[in-house]
């Protein structure tokens, strides 16, 4: 009910009368008044004027479903949304839901993660109500060996959402770090449950630094937030909604071929590695070269000094001038 009231208030050009809300929702004025007061308690600034009705003036920085759906315009991604104030890890939570039969396109989101995970077992910190921690649950009908490409689809989608909303020059450090002002603003972790030739489900966890004002000394030179970059707080729900909409479109392009051929140009256009000197760090095989972009499989093409092209499928790749690599 509160979600429906919010939708009407958002879409209204000015005030909405209590009587109109009663008629649209089929409830009493008392019920409307009760839900309006609950919304006020949750941080929504709603003005009530006699003989005019209610007007939504300001919304809180919330990522609850009722707020997220006010911005969301997707076909299937996010039709089912779960929210909690604090969880161990949105990926872990999404996997539990998947095991219980949650559908393709389910989205889970939390205000805080206490055991957030990054790549290679690293920790990803999500301080309460200042960052985004969101996981998508997907059940694609594709070969398991192609699942890793979805990480690149997500990285592209995050960068595009940030560019669209904040006019920031967001770029990607292969494979999936999103970078603004040469500092990391987003981390992505994709996990899969599969058989030999069949995917049970995939979860894509994304952490975006949004309204963090500062970072510990050891992270100041390698991490940033949207608030630091744009100079003011941002609405997390608006960014999550934009990300879901863009990812849905990119996923549908990806699913036509189950490779990156349809997204490769967009990805390479904002790849910070492209035409830059990189250092590839693989066990027993460390070398430098010039990154030439990705191929349709998401492999990074690195030209070595002898002009041979290496296709980097996995491993650490450092970019000169980024994260302290000089």
C-alpha atoms as a PDB file:
ATOM      1  CA  UNK A   1       0.000   0.000   0.000  1.00  0.00           C
ATOM      2  CA  UNK A   2       2.768   2.440   0.913  1.00  0.00           C
ATOM      3  CA  UNK A   3       4.479   1.742  -2.411  1.00  0.00           C
ATOM      4  CA  UNK A   4       1.303   2.584  -4.312  1.00  0.00           C
ATOM      5  CA  UNK A   5       0.809   5.807  -2.347  1.00  0.00           C
ATOM      6  CA  UNK A   6       4.401   6.792  -3.069  1.00  0.00           C
ATOM      7  CA  UNK A   7       3.926   6.081  -6.764  1.00  0.00           C
ATOM      8  CA  UNK A   8       0.889   8.370  -6.944  1.00  0.00           C
ATOM      9  CA  UNK A   9       2.672  11.114  -4.995  1.00  0.00           C
ATOM     10  CA  UNK A  10       5.779  10.867  -7.232  1.00  0.00           C
ATOM     11  CA  UNK A  11       3.759  11.031 -10.429  1.00  0.00           C
ATOM     12  CA  UNK A  12       1.554  13.904  -9.284  1.00  0.00           C
ATOM     13  CA  UNK A  13       2.135  17.433 -10.477  1.00  0.00           C
ATOM     14  CA  UNK A  14       1.628  19.007  -7.071  1.00  0.00           C
ATOM     15  CA  UNK A  15      -0.931  17.804  -4.540  1.00  0.00           C
ATOM     16  CA  UNK A  16      -3.010  14.624  -4.534  1.00  0.00           C
ATOM     17  CA  UNK A  17      -6.237  14.773  -2.570  1.00  0.00           C
ATOM     18  CA  UNK A  18      -6.937  12.230   0.119  1.00  0.00           C
ATOM     19  CA  UNK A  19     -10.244  11.426  -1.570  1.00  0.00           C
ATOM     20  CA  UNK A  20      -8.488  10.672  -4.866  1.00  0.00           C
ATOM     21  CA  UNK A  21      -6.079   8.318  -3.097  1.00  0.00           C
ATOM     22  CA  UNK A  22      -9.017   6.600  -1.378  1.00  0.00           C
ATOM     23  CA  UNK A  23     -10.786   6.039  -4.677  1.00  0.00           C
ATOM     24  CA  UNK A  24      -7.688   4.792  -6.511  1.00  0.00           C
ATOM     25  CA  UNK A  25      -6.621   2.436  -3.750  1.00  0.00           C
ATOM     26  CA  UNK A  26     -10.025   1.395  -2.445  1.00  0.00           C
ATOM     27  CA  UNK A  27      -9.286   2.222   1.184  1.00  0.00           C
ATOM     28  CA  UNK A  28     -10.515   4.689   3.782  1.00  0.00           C
ATOM     29  CA  UNK A  29      -9.125   8.159   4.518  1.00  0.00           C
ATOM     30  CA  UNK A  30      -7.984   6.800   7.868  1.00  0.00           C
ATOM     31  CA  UNK A  31      -5.928   4.113   6.134  1.00  0.00           C
ATOM     32  CA  UNK A  32      -4.362   6.730   3.838  1.00  0.00           C
ATOM     33  CA  UNK A  33      -3.526   8.936   6.798  1.00  0.00           C
ATOM     34  CA  UNK A  34      -1.967   5.973   8.630  1.00  0.00           C
ATOM     35  CA  UNK A  35       0.289   5.057   5.706  1.00  0.00           C
ATOM     36  CA  UNK A  36       1.263   8.689   5.131  1.00  0.00           C
ATOM     37  CA  UNK A  37       2.397   8.921   8.750  1.00  0.00           C
ATOM     38  CA  UNK A  38       4.404   5.702   8.387  1.00  0.00           C
ATOM     39  CA  UNK A  39       6.147   7.154   5.336  1.00  0.00           C
ATOM     40  CA  UNK A  40       6.952  10.310   7.309  1.00  0.00           C
ATOM     41  CA  UNK A  41       8.486   8.184  10.060  1.00  0.00           C
ATOM     42  CA  UNK A  42      10.667   6.512   7.419  1.00  0.00           C
ATOM     43  CA  UNK A  43      12.078   9.883   6.338  1.00  0.00           C
ATOM     44  CA  UNK A  44       9.725  10.978   3.561  1.00  0.00           C
ATOM     45  CA  UNK A  45       8.851  14.666   3.727  1.00  0.00           C
ATOM     46  CA  UNK A  46       5.157  14.897   2.858  1.00  0.00           C
ATOM     47  CA  UNK A  47       3.195  18.112   3.190  1.00  0.00           C
ATOM     48  CA  UNK A  48      -0.518  17.902   3.969  1.00  0.00           C
ATOM     49  CA  UNK A  49      -2.723  20.930   3.190  1.00  0.00           C
ATOM     50  CA  UNK A  50      -6.427  21.088   3.935  1.00  0.00           C
ATOM     51  CA  UNK A  51      -8.630  20.951   0.829  1.00  0.00           C
ATOM     52  CA  UNK A  52      -5.585  20.251  -1.367  1.00  0.00           C
ATOM     53  CA  UNK A  53      -4.239  16.914  -0.123  1.00  0.00           C
ATOM     54  CA  UNK A  54      -0.708  15.540   0.079  1.00  0.00           C
ATOM     55  CA  UNK A  55       2.496  16.549  -1.693  1.00  0.00           C
ATOM     56  CA  UNK A  56       5.795  14.651  -1.680  1.00  0.00           C
ATOM     57  CA  UNK A  57       8.571  17.191  -1.062  1.00  0.00           C
ATOM     58  CA  UNK A  58      11.650  15.091  -0.315  1.00  0.00           C
ATOM     59  CA  UNK A  59      12.609  11.434  -0.176  1.00  0.00           C
ATOM     60  CA  UNK A  60      15.211   9.793   2.082  1.00  0.00           C
ATOM     61  CA  UNK A  61      18.356   8.113   0.764  1.00  0.00           C
ATOM     62  CA  UNK A  62      16.848   4.657   0.977  1.00  0.00           C
ATOM     63  CA  UNK A  63      17.264   1.478  -1.062  1.00  0.00           C
ATOM     64  CA  UNK A  64      14.144  -0.208   0.264  1.00  0.00           C
ATOM     65  CA  UNK A  65      11.949  -1.776  -2.448  1.00  0.00           C
ATOM     66  CA  UNK A  66       9.286   0.927  -2.072  1.00  0.00           C
ATOM     67  CA  UNK A  67      11.866   3.595  -2.912  1.00  0.00           C
ATOM     68  CA  UNK A  68      13.687   1.609  -5.573  1.00  0.00           C
ATOM     69  CA  UNK A  69      10.516   0.812  -7.503  1.00  0.00           C
ATOM     70  CA  UNK A  70       9.781   4.524  -7.736  1.00  0.00           C
ATOM     71  CA  UNK A  71      12.725   4.862 -10.111  1.00  0.00           C
ATOM     72  CA  UNK A  72      12.734   1.420 -11.707  1.00  0.00           C
ATOM     73  CA  UNK A  73      11.649   0.778 -15.281  1.00  0.00           C
ATOM     74  CA  UNK A  74      12.652  -2.773 -16.209  1.00  0.00           C
ATOM     75  CA  UNK A  75      10.845  -5.674 -17.853  1.00  0.00           C
ATOM     76  CA  UNK A  76      12.054  -8.616 -15.745  1.00  0.00           C
ATOM     77  CA  UNK A  77      15.097  -7.626 -13.700  1.00  0.00           C
ATOM     78  CA  UNK A  78      14.008  -6.611 -10.223  1.00  0.00           C
ATOM     79  CA  UNK A  79      10.435  -7.859 -10.461  1.00  0.00           C
ATOM     80  CA  UNK A  80      11.329  -9.621  -7.201  1.00  0.00           C
ATOM     81  CA  UNK A  81      13.348  -7.499  -4.745  1.00  0.00           C
ATOM     82  CA  UNK A  82      14.576  -8.424  -1.274  1.00  0.00           C
ATOM     83  CA  UNK A  83      15.969  -5.832   1.134  1.00  0.00           C
ATOM     84  CA  UNK A  84      17.543  -6.052   4.573  1.00  0.00           C
ATOM     85  CA  UNK A  85      19.164  -3.406   6.711  1.00  0.00           C
ATOM     86  CA  UNK A  86      22.198  -5.594   7.404  1.00  0.00           C
ATOM     87  CA  UNK A  87      23.359  -8.941   5.998  1.00  0.00           C
ATOM     88  CA  UNK A  88      26.549 -10.960   5.989  1.00  0.00           C
ATOM     89  CA  UNK A  89      26.876 -10.818   2.190  1.00  0.00           C
ATOM     90  CA  UNK A  90      24.307 -10.085  -0.510  1.00  0.00           C
ATOM     91  CA  UNK A  91      25.897 -12.807  -2.660  1.00  0.00           C
ATOM     92  CA  UNK A  92      25.556 -15.379   0.111  1.00  0.00           C
ATOM     93  CA  UNK A  93      21.975 -14.285   0.696  1.00  0.00           C
ATOM     94  CA  UNK A  94      21.150 -14.474  -3.030  1.00  0.00           C
ATOM     95  CA  UNK A  95      22.591 -17.985  -3.221  1.00  0.00           C
ATOM     96  CA  UNK A  96      20.389 -19.078  -0.328  1.00  0.00           C
ATOM     97  CA  UNK A  97      17.374 -17.638  -2.126  1.00  0.00           C
ATOM     98  CA  UNK A  98      18.395 -19.391  -5.350  1.00  0.00           C
ATOM     99  CA  UNK A  99      18.548 -22.721  -3.546  1.00  0.00           C
ATOM    100  CA  UNK A 100      15.020 -22.035  -2.298  1.00  0.00           C
ATOM    101  CA  UNK A 101      13.764 -21.442  -5.841  1.00  0.00           C
ATOM    102  CA  UNK A 102      13.947 -17.654  -6.257  1.00  0.00           C
ATOM    103  CA  UNK A 103      13.334 -16.732  -9.917  1.00  0.00           C
ATOM    104  CA  UNK A 104      15.651 -15.414 -12.621  1.00  0.00           C
ATOM    105  CA  UNK A 105      16.014 -11.644 -12.243  1.00  0.00           C
ATOM    106  CA  UNK A 106      15.677 -11.551  -8.457  1.00  0.00           C
ATOM    107  CA  UNK A 107      17.554  -8.635  -6.864  1.00  0.00           C
ATOM    108  CA  UNK A 108      18.793  -8.502  -3.277  1.00  0.00           C
ATOM    109  CA  UNK A 109      20.073  -5.339  -1.674  1.00  0.00           C
ATOM    110  CA  UNK A 110      21.268  -4.305   1.773  1.00  0.00           C
ATOM    111  CA  UNK A 111      22.248  -1.125   3.575  1.00  0.00           C
ATOM    112  CA  UNK A 112      25.192  -2.870   5.197  1.00  0.00           C
ATOM    113  CA  UNK A 113      27.352  -5.951   4.606  1.00  0.00           C
ATOM    114  CA  UNK A 114      29.297  -7.390   7.500  1.00  0.00           C
ATOM    115  CA  UNK A 115      31.147 -10.046   5.493  1.00  0.00           C
ATOM    116  CA  UNK A 116      31.185  -8.625   1.981  1.00  0.00           C
ATOM    117  CA  UNK A 117      33.412 -10.479  -0.471  1.00  0.00           C
ATOM    118  CA  UNK A 118      35.672  -9.285  -3.250  1.00  0.00           C
ATOM    119  CA  UNK A 119      37.680 -11.147  -5.859  1.00  0.00           C
ATOM    120  CA  UNK A 120      40.324 -13.653  -4.793  1.00  0.00           C
ATOM    121  CA  UNK A 121      38.972 -13.882  -1.252  1.00  0.00           C
ATOM    122  CA  UNK A 122      39.436 -10.205  -0.462  1.00  0.00           C
ATOM    123  CA  UNK A 123      36.998  -8.355   1.767  1.00  0.00           C
ATOM    124  CA  UNK A 124      34.691  -5.655   0.390  1.00  0.00           C
ATOM    125  CA  UNK A 125      33.557  -3.211   3.050  1.00  0.00           C
ATOM    126  CA  UNK A 126      30.030  -1.786   2.848  1.00  0.00           C
ATOM    127  CA  UNK A 127      29.529   0.791   5.623  1.00  0.00           C
ATOM    128  CA  UNK A 128      25.940   1.262   6.724  1.00  0.00           C
ATOM    129  CA  UNK A 129      23.765   3.466   4.502  1.00  0.00           C
ATOM    130  CA  UNK A 130      26.694   5.034   2.636  1.00  0.00           C
ATOM    131  CA  UNK A 131      27.288   2.513  -0.140  1.00  0.00           C
ATOM    132  CA  UNK A 132      25.434   0.191  -2.468  1.00  0.00           C
ATOM    133  CA  UNK A 133      25.556  -3.577  -1.994  1.00  0.00           C
ATOM    134  CA  UNK A 134      23.344  -5.264  -4.582  1.00  0.00           C
ATOM    135  CA  UNK A 135      23.284  -8.758  -6.087  1.00  0.00           C
ATOM    136  CA  UNK A 136      21.451 -10.007  -9.161  1.00  0.00           C
ATOM    137  CA  UNK A 137      20.328 -13.635  -9.412  1.00  0.00           C
ATOM    138  CA  UNK A 138      20.379 -15.015 -12.954  1.00  0.00           C
ATOM    139  CA  UNK A 139      19.566 -18.398 -14.451  1.00  0.00           C
ATOM    140  CA  UNK A 140      20.887 -18.205 -18.012  1.00  0.00           C
ATOM    141  CA  UNK A 141      20.635 -21.044 -20.494  1.00  0.00           C
ATOM    142  CA  UNK A 142      24.271 -20.863 -21.580  1.00  0.00           C
ATOM    143  CA  UNK A 143      27.435 -22.986 -21.250  1.00  0.00           C
ATOM    144  CA  UNK A 144      29.068 -22.590 -17.809  1.00  0.00           C
ATOM    145  CA  UNK A 145      32.420 -21.648 -19.348  1.00  0.00           C
ATOM    146  CA  UNK A 146      30.882 -18.404 -20.604  1.00  0.00           C
ATOM    147  CA  UNK A 147      29.669 -17.216 -17.213  1.00  0.00           C
ATOM    148  CA  UNK A 148      32.764 -15.123 -16.465  1.00  0.00           C
ATOM    149  CA  UNK A 149      31.810 -12.729 -19.269  1.00  0.00           C
ATOM    150  CA  UNK A 150      28.853 -11.561 -17.199  1.00  0.00           C
ATOM    151  CA  UNK A 151      31.331  -9.855 -14.876  1.00  0.00           C
ATOM    152  CA  UNK A 152      32.400  -7.656 -17.785  1.00  0.00           C
ATOM    153  CA  UNK A 153      28.762  -6.984 -18.696  1.00  0.00           C
ATOM    154  CA  UNK A 154      28.192  -5.767 -15.144  1.00  0.00           C
ATOM    155  CA  UNK A 155      31.321  -3.590 -15.114  1.00  0.00           C
ATOM    156  CA  UNK A 156      30.220  -1.953 -18.355  1.00  0.00           C
ATOM    157  CA  UNK A 157      26.716  -1.406 -16.969  1.00  0.00           C
ATOM    158  CA  UNK A 158      27.981   0.250 -13.772  1.00  0.00           C
ATOM    159  CA  UNK A 159      30.255   2.609 -15.694  1.00  0.00           C
ATOM    160  CA  UNK A 160      27.446   3.506 -18.098  1.00  0.00           C
ATOM    161  CA  UNK A 161      25.018   4.181 -15.219  1.00  0.00           C
ATOM    162  CA  UNK A 162      27.506   6.494 -13.499  1.00  0.00           C
ATOM    163  CA  UNK A 163      28.179   8.330 -16.762  1.00  0.00           C
ATOM    164  CA  UNK A 164      24.457   8.714 -17.422  1.00  0.00           C
ATOM    165  CA  UNK A 165      23.477  10.062 -13.995  1.00  0.00           C
ATOM    166  CA  UNK A 166      26.489  12.102 -12.903  1.00  0.00           C
ATOM    167  CA  UNK A 167      28.355  13.067 -16.078  1.00  0.00           C
ATOM    168  CA  UNK A 168      31.526  11.521 -14.663  1.00  0.00           C
ATOM    169  CA  UNK A 169      34.183   9.993 -16.894  1.00  0.00           C
ATOM    170  CA  UNK A 170      33.785   6.512 -15.439  1.00  0.00           C
ATOM    171  CA  UNK A 171      35.979   3.884 -17.065  1.00  0.00           C
ATOM    172  CA  UNK A 172      36.818   0.211 -16.630  1.00  0.00           C
ATOM    173  CA  UNK A 173      40.046  -1.428 -15.549  1.00  0.00           C
ATOM    174  CA  UNK A 174      39.926  -4.925 -17.010  1.00  0.00           C
ATOM    175  CA  UNK A 175      38.132  -7.032 -16.195  1.00  0.00           C
ATOM    176  CA  UNK A 176      35.625  -5.301 -13.929  1.00  0.00           C
ATOM    177  CA  UNK A 177      36.981  -2.498 -11.739  1.00  0.00           C
ATOM    178  CA  UNK A 178      35.042   0.719 -12.354  1.00  0.00           C
ATOM    179  CA  UNK A 179      37.350   3.707 -12.066  1.00  0.00           C
ATOM    180  CA  UNK A 180      36.725   7.446 -11.638  1.00  0.00           C
ATOM    181  CA  UNK A 181      39.597   9.946 -11.422  1.00  0.00           C
ATOM    182  CA  UNK A 182      42.050   7.018 -11.573  1.00  0.00           C
ATOM    183  CA  UNK A 183      40.587   5.535  -8.386  1.00  0.00           C
ATOM    184  CA  UNK A 184      38.344   2.547  -7.832  1.00  0.00           C
ATOM    185  CA  UNK A 185      34.687   3.247  -7.141  1.00  0.00           C
ATOM    186  CA  UNK A 186      33.153  -0.200  -7.611  1.00  0.00           C
ATOM    187  CA  UNK A 187      33.916  -3.865  -7.084  1.00  0.00           C
ATOM    188  CA  UNK A 188      32.158  -6.857  -8.637  1.00  0.00           C
ATOM    189  CA  UNK A 189      32.101 -10.521  -7.676  1.00  0.00           C
ATOM    190  CA  UNK A 190      30.390 -13.164  -9.829  1.00  0.00           C
ATOM    191  CA  UNK A 191      29.746 -16.641  -8.435  1.00  0.00           C
ATOM    192  CA  UNK A 192      28.137 -19.676 -10.030  1.00  0.00           C
ATOM    193  CA  UNK A 193      26.496 -22.971  -9.168  1.00  0.00           C
ATOM    194  CA  UNK A 194      26.690 -25.358 -12.123  1.00  0.00           C
ATOM    195  CA  UNK A 195      26.846 -28.910 -13.394  1.00  0.00           C
ATOM    196  CA  UNK A 196      29.279 -30.000 -16.121  1.00  0.00           C
ATOM    197  CA  UNK A 197      27.115 -28.578 -18.910  1.00  0.00           C
ATOM    198  CA  UNK A 198      24.354 -26.727 -17.074  1.00  0.00           C
ATOM    199  CA  UNK A 199      24.151 -23.571 -14.938  1.00  0.00           C
ATOM    200  CA  UNK A 200      21.946 -23.779 -11.881  1.00  0.00           C
ATOM    201  CA  UNK A 201      22.301 -20.071 -11.174  1.00  0.00           C
ATOM    202  CA  UNK A 202      24.720 -17.153 -11.216  1.00  0.00           C
ATOM    203  CA  UNK A 203      24.914 -14.326  -8.691  1.00  0.00           C
ATOM    204  CA  UNK A 204      26.578 -11.025  -9.554  1.00  0.00           C
ATOM    205  CA  UNK A 205      27.417  -8.937  -6.510  1.00  0.00           C
ATOM    206  CA  UNK A 206      28.212  -5.260  -6.949  1.00  0.00           C
ATOM    207  CA  UNK A 207      29.516  -2.803  -4.384  1.00  0.00           C
ATOM    208  CA  UNK A 208      29.555   0.895  -5.271  1.00  0.00           C
ATOM    209  CA  UNK A 209      31.052   3.599  -3.058  1.00  0.00           C
ATOM    210  CA  UNK A 210      28.327   6.235  -3.021  1.00  0.00           C
ATOM    211  CA  UNK A 211      28.110   8.602  -0.044  1.00  0.00           C
ATOM    212  CA  UNK A 212      31.401   7.842   1.671  1.00  0.00           C
ATOM    213  CA  UNK A 213      33.026  11.122   2.704  1.00  0.00           C
ATOM    214  CA  UNK A 214      36.527   9.776   3.233  1.00  0.00           C
ATOM    215  CA  UNK A 215      38.662   6.635   3.184  1.00  0.00           C
ATOM    216  CA  UNK A 216      41.347   5.205   5.485  1.00  0.00           C
ATOM    217  CA  UNK A 217      44.834   6.462   4.773  1.00  0.00           C
ATOM    218  CA  UNK A 218      45.852   3.242   3.017  1.00  0.00           C
ATOM    219  CA  UNK A 219      42.950   3.571   0.534  1.00  0.00           C
ATOM    220  CA  UNK A 220      42.909   7.315  -0.182  1.00  0.00           C
ATOM    221  CA  UNK A 221      45.020   7.048  -3.307  1.00  0.00           C
ATOM    222  CA  UNK A 222      43.240   4.032  -4.794  1.00  0.00           C
ATOM    223  CA  UNK A 223      39.557   4.464  -3.852  1.00  0.00           C
ATOM    224  CA  UNK A 224      36.927   7.148  -4.285  1.00  0.00           C
ATOM    225  CA  UNK A 225      33.168   7.651  -3.952  1.00  0.00           C
ATOM    226  CA  UNK A 226      30.457   9.389  -5.912  1.00  0.00           C
ATOM    227  CA  UNK A 227      30.029  11.955  -3.153  1.00  0.00           C
ATOM    228  CA  UNK A 228      33.714  12.858  -3.313  1.00  0.00           C
ATOM    229  CA  UNK A 229      33.577  13.139  -7.104  1.00  0.00           C
ATOM    230  CA  UNK A 230      30.337  15.120  -7.509  1.00  0.00           C
ATOM    231  CA  UNK A 231      30.567  17.101  -4.279  1.00  0.00           C
ATOM    232  CA  UNK A 232      27.215  16.136  -2.783  1.00  0.00           C
ATOM    233  CA  UNK A 233      25.221  13.127  -1.627  1.00  0.00           C
ATOM    234  CA  UNK A 234      23.524  11.014  -4.281  1.00  0.00           C
ATOM    235  CA  UNK A 235      20.298   9.008  -4.186  1.00  0.00           C
ATOM    236  CA  UNK A 236      21.358   5.374  -4.012  1.00  0.00           C
ATOM    237  CA  UNK A 237      17.987   4.082  -5.230  1.00  0.00           C
ATOM    238  CA  UNK A 238      18.253   6.181  -8.388  1.00  0.00           C
ATOM    239  CA  UNK A 239      21.662   4.682  -9.167  1.00  0.00           C
ATOM    240  CA  UNK A 240      20.541   1.098  -8.457  1.00  0.00           C
ATOM    241  CA  UNK A 241      17.525   1.577 -10.732  1.00  0.00           C
ATOM    242  CA  UNK A 242      19.688   3.003 -13.530  1.00  0.00           C
ATOM    243  CA  UNK A 243      22.131   0.119 -13.151  1.00  0.00           C
ATOM    244  CA  UNK A 244      19.356  -2.490 -13.334  1.00  0.00           C
ATOM    245  CA  UNK A 245      17.837  -0.903 -16.432  1.00  0.00           C
ATOM    246  CA  UNK A 246      21.173  -0.674 -18.255  1.00  0.00           C
ATOM    247  CA  UNK A 247      22.238  -4.176 -17.222  1.00  0.00           C
ATOM    248  CA  UNK A 248      18.933  -5.607 -18.450  1.00  0.00           C
ATOM    249  CA  UNK A 249      19.507  -4.070 -21.896  1.00  0.00           C
ATOM    250  CA  UNK A 250      23.143  -5.202 -22.004  1.00  0.00           C
ATOM    251  CA  UNK A 251      22.217  -8.697 -20.820  1.00  0.00           C
ATOM    252  CA  UNK A 252      19.659  -9.045 -23.596  1.00  0.00           C
ATOM    253  CA  UNK A 253      22.333  -8.099 -26.148  1.00  0.00           C
ATOM    254  CA  UNK A 254      24.764 -10.552 -24.539  1.00  0.00           C
ATOM    255  CA  UNK A 255      22.196 -13.361 -24.489  1.00  0.00           C
ATOM    256  CA  UNK A 256      21.708 -13.224 -28.272  1.00  0.00           C
ATOM    257  CA  UNK A 257      25.164 -14.769 -28.796  1.00  0.00           C
ATOM    258  CA  UNK A 258      26.328 -15.606 -25.254  1.00  0.00           C
ATOM    259  CA  UNK A 259      29.486 -13.616 -25.913  1.00  0.00           C
ATOM    260  CA  UNK A 260      30.587  -9.971 -25.914  1.00  0.00           C
ATOM    261  CA  UNK A 261      30.492  -9.372 -29.659  1.00  0.00           C
ATOM    262  CA  UNK A 262      27.523  -7.015 -29.306  1.00  0.00           C
ATOM    263  CA  UNK A 263      29.025  -5.076 -26.379  1.00  0.00           C
ATOM    264  CA  UNK A 264      32.730  -5.213 -27.218  1.00  0.00           C
ATOM    265  CA  UNK A 265      32.912  -1.776 -28.837  1.00  0.00           C
ATOM    266  CA  UNK A 266      31.115  -0.054 -25.940  1.00  0.00           C
ATOM    267  CA  UNK A 267      33.396  -1.829 -23.467  1.00  0.00           C
ATOM    268  CA  UNK A 268      36.612  -0.989 -25.315  1.00  0.00           C
ATOM    269  CA  UNK A 269      35.560   2.663 -25.695  1.00  0.00           C
ATOM    270  CA  UNK A 270      35.751   3.173 -21.927  1.00  0.00           C
ATOM    271  CA  UNK A 271      38.510   0.665 -21.113  1.00  0.00           C
ATOM    272  CA  UNK A 272      41.236   2.482 -19.192  1.00  0.00           C
ATOM    273  CA  UNK A 273      43.685  -0.307 -20.096  1.00  0.00           C
ATOM    274  CA  UNK A 274      43.263   0.279 -23.822  1.00  0.00           C
ATOM    275  CA  UNK A 275      46.443   1.550 -25.522  1.00  0.00           C
ATOM    276  CA  UNK A 276      48.067   1.762 -22.075  1.00  0.00           C
ATOM    277  CA  UNK A 277      51.129  -0.014 -20.795  1.00  0.00           C
ATOM    278  CA  UNK A 278      50.146  -2.869 -18.539  1.00  0.00           C
ATOM    279  CA  UNK A 279      51.933  -5.403 -16.392  1.00  0.00           C
ATOM    280  CA  UNK A 280      50.433  -8.881 -16.459  1.00  0.00           C
ATOM    281  CA  UNK A 281      50.938 -10.828 -13.256  1.00  0.00           C
ATOM    282  CA  UNK A 282      50.307 -14.535 -13.765  1.00  0.00           C
ATOM    283  CA  UNK A 283      51.906 -17.327 -11.729  1.00  0.00           C
ATOM    284  CA  UNK A 284      55.279 -17.989 -13.311  1.00  0.00           C
ATOM    285  CA  UNK A 285      54.569 -15.597 -16.184  1.00  0.00           C
ATOM    286  CA  UNK A 286      55.012 -11.857 -15.541  1.00  0.00           C
ATOM    287  CA  UNK A 287      55.448  -9.472 -18.455  1.00  0.00           C
ATOM    288  CA  UNK A 288      54.635  -5.979 -19.714  1.00  0.00           C
ATOM    289  CA  UNK A 289      52.984  -4.873 -22.924  1.00  0.00           C
ATOM    290  CA  UNK A 290      50.370  -2.609 -24.473  1.00  0.00           C
ATOM    291  CA  UNK A 291      46.698  -3.496 -23.976  1.00  0.00           C
ATOM    292  CA  UNK A 292      44.726  -3.371 -27.228  1.00  0.00           C
ATOM    293  CA  UNK A 293      41.250  -4.000 -25.848  1.00  0.00           C
ATOM    294  CA  UNK A 294      39.159  -7.130 -25.355  1.00  0.00           C
ATOM    295  CA  UNK A 295      37.918  -9.755 -27.799  1.00  0.00           C
ATOM    296  CA  UNK A 296      34.433 -11.262 -27.996  1.00  0.00           C
ATOM    297  CA  UNK A 297      35.293 -13.690 -25.194  1.00  0.00           C
ATOM    298  CA  UNK A 298      36.299 -10.897 -22.819  1.00  0.00           C
ATOM    299  CA  UNK A 299      39.988 -11.747 -23.009  1.00  0.00           C
ATOM    300  CA  UNK A 300      42.393  -8.813 -22.763  1.00  0.00           C
ATOM    301  CA  UNK A 301      44.624  -8.566 -25.829  1.00  0.00           C
ATOM    302  CA  UNK A 302      48.148  -7.557 -24.797  1.00  0.00           C
ATOM    303  CA  UNK A 303      50.823  -6.792 -27.367  1.00  0.00           C
ATOM    304  CA  UNK A 304      54.273  -7.765 -26.123  1.00  0.00           C
ATOM    305  CA  UNK A 305      57.548  -6.090 -27.100  1.00  0.00           C
ATOM    306  CA  UNK A 306      58.083  -8.608 -29.913  1.00  0.00           C
ATOM    307  CA  UNK A 307      54.593  -7.627 -31.258  1.00  0.00           C
ATOM    308  CA  UNK A 308      53.032 -10.982 -30.459  1.00  0.00           C
ATOM    309  CA  UNK A 309      49.519 -10.805 -29.004  1.00  0.00           C
ATOM    310  CA  UNK A 310      48.760 -12.534 -25.730  1.00  0.00           C
ATOM    311  CA  UNK A 311      45.134 -13.264 -24.830  1.00  0.00           C
ATOM    312  CA  UNK A 312      44.801 -12.801 -21.092  1.00  0.00           C
ATOM    313  CA  UNK A 313      41.880 -14.819 -19.764  1.00  0.00           C
ATOM    314  CA  UNK A 314      42.479 -14.453 -16.037  1.00  0.00           C
ATOM    315  CA  UNK A 315      44.978 -13.001 -13.619  1.00  0.00           C
ATOM    316  CA  UNK A 316      46.076  -9.645 -12.262  1.00  0.00           C
ATOM    317  CA  UNK A 317      46.736  -6.859 -14.755  1.00  0.00           C
ATOM    318  CA  UNK A 318      48.206  -3.584 -13.485  1.00  0.00           C
ATOM    319  CA  UNK A 319      47.882  -0.406 -15.529  1.00  0.00           C
ATOM    320  CA  UNK A 320      50.682   2.171 -15.557  1.00  0.00           C
ATOM    321  CA  UNK A 321      49.550   5.298 -13.723  1.00  0.00           C
ATOM    322  CA  UNK A 322      46.736   3.512 -11.892  1.00  0.00           C
ATOM    323  CA  UNK A 323      46.663   2.274  -8.287  1.00  0.00           C
ATOM    324  CA  UNK A 324      50.270   3.275  -7.715  1.00  0.00           C
ATOM    325  CA  UNK A 325      51.838   1.490 -10.711  1.00  0.00           C
ATOM    326  CA  UNK A 326      54.493   3.834 -12.108  1.00  0.00           C
END
